Amino acid sequence: MGKKKNREPKFYKNLHIVSAGSEGKSIARPEGMVVMVEYAVPGDVVNAKVIQTKRRFELAAITEIITPSPDRVETFCQHFGTCGGCKWQQMSYESQLKYKQQQVQDAFERIGKFPFPPLEPILGSNRTTQYRNKVEFSSTDRKWLTDITDIGTLTKAENAGLGFHIPGRFDKVFDLFTCHLMAPLNDSIRNSIRTFCIENDYDFYNLYGKTGFLRNLTLRNNIQGEWMLIISFGYEDLEKREALLNHVHQAFPEITSLMYVINEKGNDTIFDLEIKVFAGNDYLIETLEDLQFKIGPKSFFQTNAYQTIELYKKTREFAALTGEELVYDLYTGVGTIALFVAKNAKKVVGIEYVELAIEDAKKNAILNNITHTDFFAGDMKDLLTAEFIETHGKPDVVITDPPRAGMHEDVINQLLQVRPKRIVYVSCNPATQARDIALMSEIYDIKKVQPVDMFPHTHHVENIALLELK
């Protein structure tokens, strides 16, 4: 048999980008073919190289921008296109909002196929950078190289990196010096730790061999400007660990919760490990309106607190509570929505799969002197039963905020049996939200639809839908 010839790469010339697609890519349709183009903006005319061919579409990368879109803007981050974050920053924010709104419209039309009113204008974010309150960074002893380099010529220090994983590559970490997702202190802390570890010959983590001392950083902050830092070490070395922690403690008084964990496992998760306090508290306090929430190292909490307030205000408005209603808050997490609406309800029952989150919810209720809430941990489809409802009461209003996969069909069926007067469905995935609402549309009318932008410069969009019993 002869050798297979290398197939010539396919190129497109003067490709017209017509719309925004999934995963931050944009779409062209030459001769009916769907071509997903990375980092393109609708309205661009580009030359592009096909990098992958799928059954129903092609993936392509821009080789040249022939005519830039009127919506194309200068990017603000030096790492754009490499670290994998903020994939829409080359698109004006007004255009981002337009395409996010269209994403909800398309999901409801194409997947839901139920009647719904005109969408409310999307709620944009006042902050388009520095809006996240939690970011995680990984250490590597073989950083991702952005140019052609003989890796054998690099020193140990030159190979060390601390940043984000390259998209789709668990084993590759891009060395990050500036990140606009979080307040600038995140850069100072991360870069100071990198420099200290290099100068003191600390081993950065090897993602293949699962060896090395410095492993991960988790940074949190609150609206008040207080910070939590958790440093994950690959093994215990008391002298080295305390030297680094003392350095951080002295350099950054803004860190009011300095913690560490020894992680000798094969994966990076630390929820099953003991996280120890080196200095300060083991929590931060976040404030939403007049409520306080205690956030520990393992707490689940919305990562954009500024826009979370707007999301919850709209959720509370849609619930239209008078003070006489029994409210069920499904997928309650640490009880943020439940507590946010509690002052307008007779009673709120929160249900959540993660037991640790329910423990936090109960603590947050006590912290805010709210006594008319009950929280329960368990798998939603197993816990939300006829017996549960008989015991705790039939809800007048249900608020549901499920994960991206949406609600289990058993949960939907139980809601159809119970028939609360109103359902306020909060979702981070309009596609699964539309699928779920379609299953309820025979007995519920969709009264309002409100997109909310929680994550500027990404394709992600949050959406709130109000359903009322027919």
Protein backbone atom coordinates (compact mmCIF):
# COMPACT_ATOMS: atom_id res chain seq x y z
CA MET A 1 0.00 0.00 0.00
CA GLY A 2 1.22 3.47 -0.84
CA LYS A 3 1.62 6.22 1.67
CA LYS A 4 -1.36 8.45 2.30
CA LYS A 5 -0.94 11.90 0.88
CA ASN A 6 -1.36 14.82 3.23
CA ARG A 7 -4.63 16.55 2.42
CA GLU A 8 -4.19 20.17 1.43
CA PRO A 9 -5.68 22.57 3.99
CA LYS A 10 -8.91 24.26 2.96
CA PHE A 11 -9.10 28.03 2.84
CA TYR A 12 -11.95 30.49 2.46
CA LYS A 13 -11.46 33.91 0.89
CA ASN A 14 -13.72 36.90 1.52
CA LEU A 15 -15.78 34.99 4.05
CA HIS A 16 -18.72 37.06 5.33
CA ILE A 17 -19.43 36.58 9.04
CA VAL A 18 -23.19 36.76 9.49
CA SER A 19 -24.00 35.95 13.12
CA ALA A 20 -22.69 35.01 16.55
CA GLY A 21 -22.67 31.33 17.48
CA SER A 22 -21.96 29.09 20.44
CA GLU A 23 -18.81 28.90 22.55
CA GLY A 24 -17.81 32.45 21.58
CA LYS A 25 -17.39 31.66 17.88
CA SER A 26 -19.12 33.44 15.00
CA ILE A 27 -20.79 31.97 11.94
CA ALA A 28 -20.38 32.23 8.17
CA ARG A 29 -22.56 30.37 5.65
CA PRO A 30 -20.71 30.05 2.34
CA GLU A 31 -22.90 28.16 -0.15
CA GLY A 32 -25.01 26.72 2.67
CA MET A 33 -22.04 25.38 4.65
CA VAL A 34 -21.91 26.37 8.34
CA VAL A 35 -18.44 27.63 9.22
CA MET A 36 -17.67 28.50 12.85
CA VAL A 37 -14.88 31.07 12.99
CA GLU A 38 -12.92 31.79 16.16
CA TYR A 39 -12.56 35.42 17.27
CA ALA A 40 -14.63 36.75 14.36
CA VAL A 41 -17.28 39.45 14.71
CA PRO A 42 -20.56 39.47 12.77
CA GLY A 43 -20.04 41.91 9.89
CA ASP A 44 -16.38 40.97 9.38
CA VAL A 45 -15.13 39.90 5.96
CA VAL A 46 -12.16 37.58 6.46
CA ASN A 47 -9.88 35.02 4.93
CA ALA A 48 -9.88 31.86 7.02
CA LYS A 49 -8.27 28.44 7.23
CA VAL A 50 -10.35 25.37 8.08
CA ILE A 51 -8.81 23.67 11.12
CA GLN A 52 -11.41 20.96 11.68
CA THR A 53 -14.21 19.41 9.65
CA LYS A 54 -17.29 18.03 11.37
CA ARG A 55 -20.32 16.31 9.88
CA ARG A 56 -22.51 19.39 10.02
CA PHE A 57 -20.04 22.25 10.16
CA GLU A 58 -16.42 23.35 9.86
CA LEU A 59 -14.20 25.12 12.37
CA ALA A 60 -11.95 27.84 10.97
CA ALA A 61 -9.40 30.38 12.13
CA ILE A 62 -8.94 33.86 10.70
CA THR A 63 -5.80 34.32 8.61
CA GLU A 64 -6.60 37.89 7.56
CA ILE A 65 -9.30 40.44 8.26
CA ILE A 66 -10.24 41.97 4.90
CA THR A 67 -12.98 44.32 6.15
CA PRO A 68 -13.53 44.70 9.90
CA SER A 69 -17.07 44.78 11.21
CA PRO A 70 -18.43 48.11 12.46
CA ASP A 71 -18.91 46.24 15.75
CA ARG A 72 -15.25 45.23 16.01
CA VAL A 73 -13.29 47.06 18.72
CA GLU A 74 -9.73 47.03 20.02
CA THR A 75 -9.13 44.32 22.59
CA PHE A 76 -8.05 45.43 26.05
CA CYS A 77 -6.11 42.36 27.22
CA GLN A 78 -2.58 41.47 26.20
CA HIS A 79 -3.46 37.77 26.50
CA PHE A 80 -6.51 37.87 24.22
CA GLY A 81 -6.71 34.83 21.96
CA THR A 82 -4.33 32.74 24.04
CA CYS A 83 -5.69 32.25 27.57
CA GLY A 84 -9.18 31.37 26.31
CA GLY A 85 -11.12 33.79 28.49
CA CYS A 86 -13.12 36.87 27.44
CA LYS A 87 -13.61 35.54 23.90
CA TRP A 88 -15.93 38.37 22.87
CA GLN A 89 -13.80 41.33 23.89
CA GLN A 90 -13.13 42.14 20.21
CA MET A 91 -16.87 42.89 19.90
CA SER A 92 -18.46 46.09 21.20
CA TYR A 93 -20.41 45.57 24.41
CA GLU A 94 -23.62 46.80 22.78
CA SER A 95 -23.24 44.04 20.17
CA GLN A 96 -22.52 41.43 22.81
CA LEU A 97 -25.80 42.28 24.49
CA LYS A 98 -27.66 42.11 21.18
CA TYR A 99 -26.39 38.62 20.42
CA LYS A 100 -27.02 37.38 23.94
CA GLN A 101 -30.61 38.57 23.67
CA GLN A 102 -30.84 36.80 20.32
CA GLN A 103 -29.51 33.62 21.91
CA VAL A 104 -32.50 33.57 24.28
CA GLN A 105 -34.91 34.42 21.46
CA ASP A 106 -33.54 31.59 19.30
CA ALA A 107 -33.70 29.04 22.12
CA PHE A 108 -37.33 29.85 22.90
CA GLU A 109 -38.33 29.84 19.21
CA ARG A 110 -36.39 26.81 17.99
CA ILE A 111 -36.31 24.59 21.06
CA GLY A 112 -39.28 25.74 23.11
CA LYS A 113 -41.72 26.42 20.23
CA PHE A 114 -44.25 27.82 22.69
CA PRO A 115 -45.88 31.25 22.58
CA PHE A 116 -44.07 33.89 24.62
CA PRO A 117 -44.19 37.68 24.84
CA PRO A 118 -41.51 40.00 23.42
CA LEU A 119 -38.33 39.71 25.45
CA GLU A 120 -37.60 42.46 27.94
CA PRO A 121 -34.43 44.38 26.98
CA ILE A 122 -31.40 42.55 28.34
CA LEU A 123 -30.00 43.91 31.60
CA GLY A 124 -26.42 44.86 30.82
CA SER A 125 -23.69 44.95 33.44
CA ASN A 126 -22.38 48.27 34.73
CA ARG A 127 -19.02 46.56 35.14
CA THR A 128 -17.64 44.92 32.02
CA THR A 129 -14.27 44.09 33.59
CA GLN A 130 -13.15 43.29 37.14
CA TYR A 131 -16.54 41.78 37.93
CA ARG A 132 -15.64 38.27 39.12
CA ASN A 133 -15.25 37.54 42.83
CA LYS A 134 -13.59 34.15 42.40
CA VAL A 135 -10.77 33.01 40.10
CA GLU A 136 -8.60 29.90 40.20
CA PHE A 137 -5.06 29.63 38.83
CA SER A 138 -2.89 26.59 38.17
CA SER A 139 0.86 26.15 38.49
CA THR A 140 3.00 24.36 35.91
CA ASP A 141 6.64 23.49 35.41
CA ARG A 142 6.11 23.42 31.60
CA LYS A 143 4.18 26.53 30.65
CA TRP A 144 2.40 26.96 27.31
CA LEU A 145 4.73 28.66 24.82
CA THR A 146 3.28 31.28 22.51
CA ASP A 147 6.14 31.21 20.02
CA ILE A 148 8.41 28.59 18.49
CA THR A 149 11.07 27.88 21.09
CA ASP A 150 13.54 25.08 21.64
CA ILE A 151 12.15 23.97 24.98
CA GLY A 152 15.47 22.35 25.85
CA THR A 153 17.10 25.78 26.04
CA LEU A 154 14.72 27.08 28.73
CA THR A 155 15.77 27.14 32.36
CA LYS A 156 13.61 25.84 35.20
CA ALA A 157 12.58 29.41 35.99
CA GLU A 158 11.71 30.17 32.36
CA ASN A 159 9.52 27.07 32.18
CA ALA A 160 7.56 27.93 35.34
CA GLY A 161 4.06 29.31 34.88
CA LEU A 162 1.03 30.36 36.90
CA GLY A 163 -2.25 31.02 35.13
CA PHE A 164 -5.17 29.43 33.27
CA HIS A 165 -5.44 26.12 31.49
CA ILE A 166 -5.44 26.42 27.71
CA PRO A 167 -9.00 25.66 26.47
CA GLY A 168 -9.46 21.93 26.03
CA ARG A 169 -6.03 21.07 27.48
CA PHE A 170 -5.90 19.91 31.09
CA ASP A 171 -2.14 19.51 30.77
CA LYS A 172 -1.27 22.96 29.42
CA VAL A 173 -1.20 26.15 31.48
CA PHE A 174 -0.71 29.62 30.07
CA ASP A 175 1.50 31.88 32.19
CA LEU A 176 -0.75 34.83 33.00
CA PHE A 177 0.48 38.25 34.05
CA THR A 178 -2.67 40.33 33.71
CA CYS A 179 -6.29 39.24 34.21
CA HIS A 180 -9.11 41.76 33.82
CA LEU A 181 -11.77 39.42 35.22
CA MET A 182 -10.97 40.40 38.78
CA ALA A 183 -9.80 43.55 40.60
CA PRO A 184 -6.12 44.36 39.84
CA LEU A 185 -4.90 43.04 43.20
CA ASN A 186 -5.32 39.52 41.78
CA ASP A 187 -2.42 40.25 39.42
CA SER A 188 -0.23 41.62 42.20
CA ILE A 189 -0.85 38.57 44.40
CA ARG A 190 -0.34 36.00 41.63
CA ASN A 191 2.75 37.65 40.18
CA SER A 192 4.30 38.12 43.61
CA ILE A 193 3.81 34.43 44.42
CA ARG A 194 5.33 33.39 41.09
CA THR A 195 8.37 35.62 41.63
CA PHE A 196 8.89 34.45 45.21
CA CYS A 197 8.70 30.79 44.22
CA ILE A 198 11.10 31.21 41.29
CA GLU A 199 13.60 33.18 43.37
CA ASN A 200 13.50 30.55 46.11
CA ASP A 201 13.72 27.59 43.71
CA TYR A 202 10.30 26.14 44.57
CA ASP A 203 9.07 23.36 42.31
CA PHE A 204 6.05 24.27 40.18
CA TYR A 205 3.55 21.48 39.56
CA ASN A 206 4.09 18.84 36.89
CA LEU A 207 0.69 18.03 35.41
CA TYR A 208 1.83 14.70 33.95
CA GLY A 209 3.76 13.27 36.86
CA LYS A 210 1.51 14.86 39.51
CA THR A 211 4.57 16.14 41.33
CA GLY A 212 5.72 19.54 42.53
CA PHE A 213 5.21 21.88 45.47
CA LEU A 214 3.20 24.89 44.27
CA ARG A 215 -0.04 23.56 42.79
CA ASN A 216 -3.05 25.96 42.67
CA LEU A 217 -4.28 29.34 43.86
CA THR A 218 -7.89 30.25 44.60
CA LEU A 219 -8.68 33.93 45.02
CA ARG A 220 -11.97 35.36 46.28
CA ASN A 221 -12.96 38.90 47.13
CA ASN A 222 -16.06 40.74 48.25
CA ILE A 223 -17.63 44.07 47.33
CA GLN A 224 -16.02 45.62 50.42
CA GLY A 225 -12.52 44.90 49.04
CA GLU A 226 -11.52 42.08 51.38
CA TRP A 227 -9.74 39.05 49.93
CA MET A 228 -9.42 35.34 50.56
CA LEU A 229 -6.47 33.36 49.21
CA ILE A 230 -6.16 29.58 49.30
CA ILE A 231 -2.81 28.14 48.23
CA SER A 232 -2.81 24.46 47.29
CA PHE A 233 0.47 22.61 47.79
CA GLY A 234 1.35 19.28 46.19
CA TYR A 235 2.96 18.06 49.41
CA GLU A 236 3.85 19.36 52.85
CA ASP A 237 7.13 21.17 53.40
CA LEU A 238 6.71 23.19 56.55
CA GLU A 239 9.67 25.52 56.03
CA LYS A 240 8.85 26.36 52.41
CA ARG A 241 5.12 26.61 53.02
CA GLU A 242 5.44 29.00 55.96
CA ALA A 243 8.02 31.12 54.11
CA LEU A 244 5.62 31.65 51.19
CA LEU A 245 2.58 32.23 53.40
CA ASN A 246 4.48 34.72 55.57
CA HIS A 247 5.62 36.56 52.46
CA VAL A 248 2.02 36.85 51.20
CA HIS A 249 0.70 37.81 54.63
CA GLN A 250 3.18 40.66 55.00
CA ALA A 251 2.87 41.90 51.42
CA PHE A 252 -0.93 41.96 51.14
CA PRO A 253 -2.87 43.21 54.17
CA GLU A 254 -6.02 43.17 52.02
CA ILE A 255 -6.02 39.37 52.37
CA THR A 256 -8.18 38.94 55.46
CA SER A 257 -8.46 35.18 54.99
CA LEU A 258 -5.19 33.44 54.15
CA MET A 259 -5.54 29.67 53.92
CA TYR A 260 -3.75 26.62 52.57
CA VAL A 261 -4.41 22.99 51.71
CA ILE A 262 -2.13 20.02 51.08
CA ASN A 263 -3.41 18.21 48.00
CA GLU A 264 -1.59 14.98 47.19
CA LYS A 265 -4.46 13.61 45.07
CA GLY A 266 -4.51 13.09 41.33
CA ASN A 267 -7.06 15.87 40.78
CA ASP A 268 -7.24 19.53 41.77
CA THR A 269 -10.51 19.48 43.71
CA ILE A 270 -10.15 20.50 47.36
CA PHE A 271 -13.74 20.10 48.58
CA ASP A 272 -12.87 16.77 50.21
CA LEU A 273 -9.71 18.08 51.88
CA GLU A 274 -9.03 20.01 55.07
CA ILE A 275 -8.38 23.67 54.31
CA LYS A 276 -6.42 25.30 57.11
CA VAL A 277 -6.22 28.94 58.18
CA PHE A 278 -2.76 30.51 58.25
CA ALA A 279 -3.87 34.04 59.08
CA GLY A 280 -7.14 35.91 59.49
CA ASN A 281 -10.64 34.43 59.21
CA ASP A 282 -11.88 31.31 57.47
CA TYR A 283 -14.56 33.29 55.63
CA LEU A 284 -15.51 36.50 53.85
CA ILE A 285 -18.79 38.36 54.31
CA GLU A 286 -20.55 39.41 51.11
CA THR A 287 -23.36 41.97 51.21
CA LEU A 288 -26.34 41.92 48.86
CA GLU A 289 -28.75 44.76 49.64
CA ASP A 290 -29.28 44.51 53.41
CA LEU A 291 -28.34 40.83 53.58
CA GLN A 292 -25.01 39.34 54.59
CA PHE A 293 -23.66 36.03 53.35
CA LYS A 294 -20.82 34.15 54.96
CA ILE A 295 -18.55 32.69 52.27
CA GLY A 296 -16.12 29.99 53.35
CA PRO A 297 -13.38 28.32 51.30
CA LYS A 298 -15.80 25.65 50.04
CA SER A 299 -18.90 27.83 49.67
CA PHE A 300 -20.87 28.05 46.43
CA PHE A 301 -21.68 31.65 45.51
CA GLN A 302 -22.49 33.66 42.39
CA THR A 303 -19.19 34.85 40.89
CA ASN A 304 -20.47 38.32 39.89
CA ALA A 305 -21.91 39.83 43.06
CA TYR A 306 -22.59 43.22 41.45
CA GLN A 307 -24.88 41.80 38.77
CA THR A 308 -26.26 39.11 41.08
CA ILE A 309 -28.07 41.88 42.96
CA GLU A 310 -29.79 42.94 39.72
CA LEU A 311 -30.62 39.32 38.83
CA TYR A 312 -32.20 38.69 42.22
CA LYS A 313 -34.12 41.98 42.19
CA LYS A 314 -35.74 40.97 38.93
CA THR A 315 -36.41 37.45 40.25
CA ARG A 316 -38.11 38.92 43.32
CA GLU A 317 -40.13 41.29 41.11
CA PHE A 318 -41.35 38.39 38.94
CA ALA A 319 -42.34 36.40 42.03
CA ALA A 320 -44.71 39.25 42.98
CA LEU A 321 -44.92 38.22 46.61
CA THR A 322 -47.39 39.84 49.00
CA GLY A 323 -46.18 38.32 52.28
CA GLU A 324 -48.77 35.55 52.32
CA GLU A 325 -47.10 33.01 50.01
CA LEU A 326 -45.29 29.77 50.68
CA VAL A 327 -42.31 29.78 48.34
CA TYR A 328 -40.19 26.83 47.27
CA ASP A 329 -36.68 27.74 46.12
CA LEU A 330 -35.33 24.81 44.12
CA TYR A 331 -31.55 24.42 43.67
CA THR A 332 -31.18 27.01 46.41
CA GLY A 333 -27.38 26.75 46.76
CA VAL A 334 -26.35 28.70 49.87
CA GLY A 335 -29.83 30.16 50.09
CA THR A 336 -29.13 33.46 48.34
CA ILE A 337 -32.41 33.71 46.43
CA ALA A 338 -34.41 32.17 49.29
CA LEU A 339 -33.13 34.77 51.73
CA PHE A 340 -33.39 37.55 49.16
CA VAL A 341 -37.15 37.00 48.80
CA ALA A 342 -37.88 35.89 52.37
CA LYS A 343 -38.90 39.32 53.67
CA ASN A 344 -41.72 39.34 51.09
CA ALA A 345 -42.94 35.78 51.79
CA LYS A 346 -44.76 33.98 54.56
CA LYS A 347 -42.26 31.13 54.42
CA VAL A 348 -39.50 29.89 52.10
CA VAL A 349 -38.42 26.26 51.68
CA GLY A 350 -35.04 25.77 49.99
CA ILE A 351 -33.87 22.50 48.45
CA GLU A 352 -30.35 21.75 47.21
CA TYR A 353 -28.34 18.66 46.26
CA VAL A 354 -25.07 19.78 47.89
CA GLU A 355 -25.22 19.25 51.64
CA LEU A 356 -22.38 21.68 52.33
CA ALA A 357 -24.32 24.43 50.56
CA ILE A 358 -27.40 23.74 52.69
CA GLU A 359 -25.28 24.02 55.83
CA ASP A 360 -24.17 27.45 54.59
CA ALA A 361 -27.78 28.40 53.81
CA LYS A 362 -28.84 27.64 57.38
CA LYS A 363 -25.92 29.66 58.75
CA ASN A 364 -26.79 32.58 56.46
CA ALA A 365 -30.41 32.54 57.68
CA ILE A 366 -29.18 32.76 61.28
CA LEU A 367 -26.67 35.49 60.34
CA ASN A 368 -29.53 37.60 58.93
CA ASN A 369 -32.01 36.79 61.73
CA ILE A 370 -34.39 35.17 59.26
CA THR A 371 -36.45 32.52 61.01
CA HIS A 372 -39.14 31.62 58.45
CA THR A 373 -36.96 29.56 56.10
CA ASP A 374 -36.29 25.81 56.02
CA PHE A 375 -33.49 24.21 54.02
CA PHE A 376 -33.18 20.58 52.93
CA ALA A 377 -30.36 18.67 51.23
CA GLY A 378 -30.96 15.88 48.74
CA ASP A 379 -31.29 14.96 45.09
CA MET A 380 -34.08 17.18 43.77
CA LYS A 381 -35.92 14.42 41.92
CA ASP A 382 -35.87 12.20 45.03
CA LEU A 383 -36.61 14.88 47.62
CA LEU A 384 -39.36 16.86 45.89
CA THR A 385 -42.09 14.24 46.28
CA ALA A 386 -45.79 14.25 47.10
CA GLU A 387 -44.88 13.24 50.66
CA PHE A 388 -42.46 16.18 51.00
CA ILE A 389 -45.09 18.62 49.76
CA GLU A 390 -47.74 17.14 52.04
CA THR A 391 -45.39 17.64 54.99
CA HIS A 392 -44.11 21.13 54.17
CA GLY A 393 -47.08 22.58 52.32
CA LYS A 394 -48.11 23.20 48.74
CA PRO A 395 -46.10 26.13 47.32
CA ASP A 396 -47.88 29.19 45.96
CA VAL A 397 -44.74 30.24 44.10
CA VAL A 398 -41.75 28.19 42.94
CA ILE A 399 -38.40 29.74 42.12
CA THR A 400 -36.02 27.40 40.34
CA ASP A 401 -32.40 28.04 39.40
CA PRO A 402 -31.01 24.71 38.17
CA PRO A 403 -27.54 23.93 36.80
CA ARG A 404 -26.81 24.15 33.07
CA ALA A 405 -28.36 20.72 32.44
CA GLY A 406 -31.74 22.07 33.54
CA MET A 407 -34.38 20.32 35.65
CA HIS A 408 -34.87 16.56 35.80
CA GLU A 409 -38.10 15.44 34.13
CA ASP A 410 -39.30 14.01 37.46
CA VAL A 411 -39.01 17.47 39.01
CA ILE A 412 -40.98 18.99 36.14
CA ASN A 413 -43.67 16.33 36.50
CA GLN A 414 -43.95 17.06 40.21
CA LEU A 415 -44.40 20.77 39.49
CA LEU A 416 -47.13 19.89 37.01
CA GLN A 417 -48.86 17.88 39.72
CA VAL A 418 -48.52 20.61 42.36
CA ARG A 419 -49.38 23.48 40.00
CA PRO A 420 -48.07 26.52 41.89
CA LYS A 421 -49.63 29.80 40.77
CA ARG A 422 -46.31 31.13 39.53
CA ILE A 423 -42.96 29.64 38.58
CA VAL A 424 -39.95 31.92 38.24
CA TYR A 425 -37.35 30.00 36.24
CA VAL A 426 -33.80 31.39 36.45
CA SER A 427 -31.33 29.77 34.08
CA CYS A 428 -27.74 30.02 32.91
CA ASN A 429 -28.64 27.98 29.81
CA PRO A 430 -31.57 29.24 27.71
CA ALA A 431 -31.55 26.02 25.65
CA THR A 432 -32.34 23.69 28.56
CA GLN A 433 -34.62 26.32 30.05
CA ALA A 434 -36.66 26.40 26.82
CA ARG A 435 -36.77 22.59 26.78
CA ASP A 436 -38.10 22.47 30.35
CA ILE A 437 -40.66 25.25 29.86
CA ALA A 438 -41.98 23.47 26.76
CA LEU A 439 -42.91 20.53 29.00
CA MET A 440 -44.97 22.87 31.19
CA SER A 441 -46.45 25.11 28.51
CA GLU A 442 -49.77 23.26 28.28
CA ILE A 443 -50.79 24.44 31.73
CA TYR A 444 -48.56 27.51 32.11
CA ASP A 445 -48.43 30.77 30.16
CA ILE A 446 -45.06 32.44 29.70
CA LYS A 447 -45.71 35.99 30.85
CA LYS A 448 -42.27 37.62 30.93
CA VAL A 449 -38.78 36.82 29.68
CA GLN A 450 -35.81 38.79 31.02
CA PRO A 451 -32.23 38.14 29.81
CA VAL A 452 -29.45 39.29 32.15
CA ASP A 453 -25.77 39.63 31.32
CA MET A 454 -23.73 38.22 34.18
CA PHE A 455 -20.47 37.65 32.29
CA PRO A 456 -19.42 40.41 29.87
CA HIS A 457 -17.03 39.48 27.04
CA THR A 458 -18.27 35.89 27.06
CA HIS A 459 -21.15 34.26 25.17
CA HIS A 460 -22.88 33.22 28.41
CA VAL A 461 -26.26 34.72 29.26
CA GLU A 462 -28.58 34.33 32.23
CA ASN A 463 -32.33 34.38 31.69
CA ILE A 464 -35.42 34.70 33.89
CA ALA A 465 -38.83 33.47 32.74
CA LEU A 466 -42.12 34.02 34.54
CA LEU A 467 -44.71 31.26 34.17
CA GLU A 468 -48.29 31.67 35.40
CA LEU A 469 -50.92 29.00 35.75
CA LYS A 470 -53.51 29.19 32.97
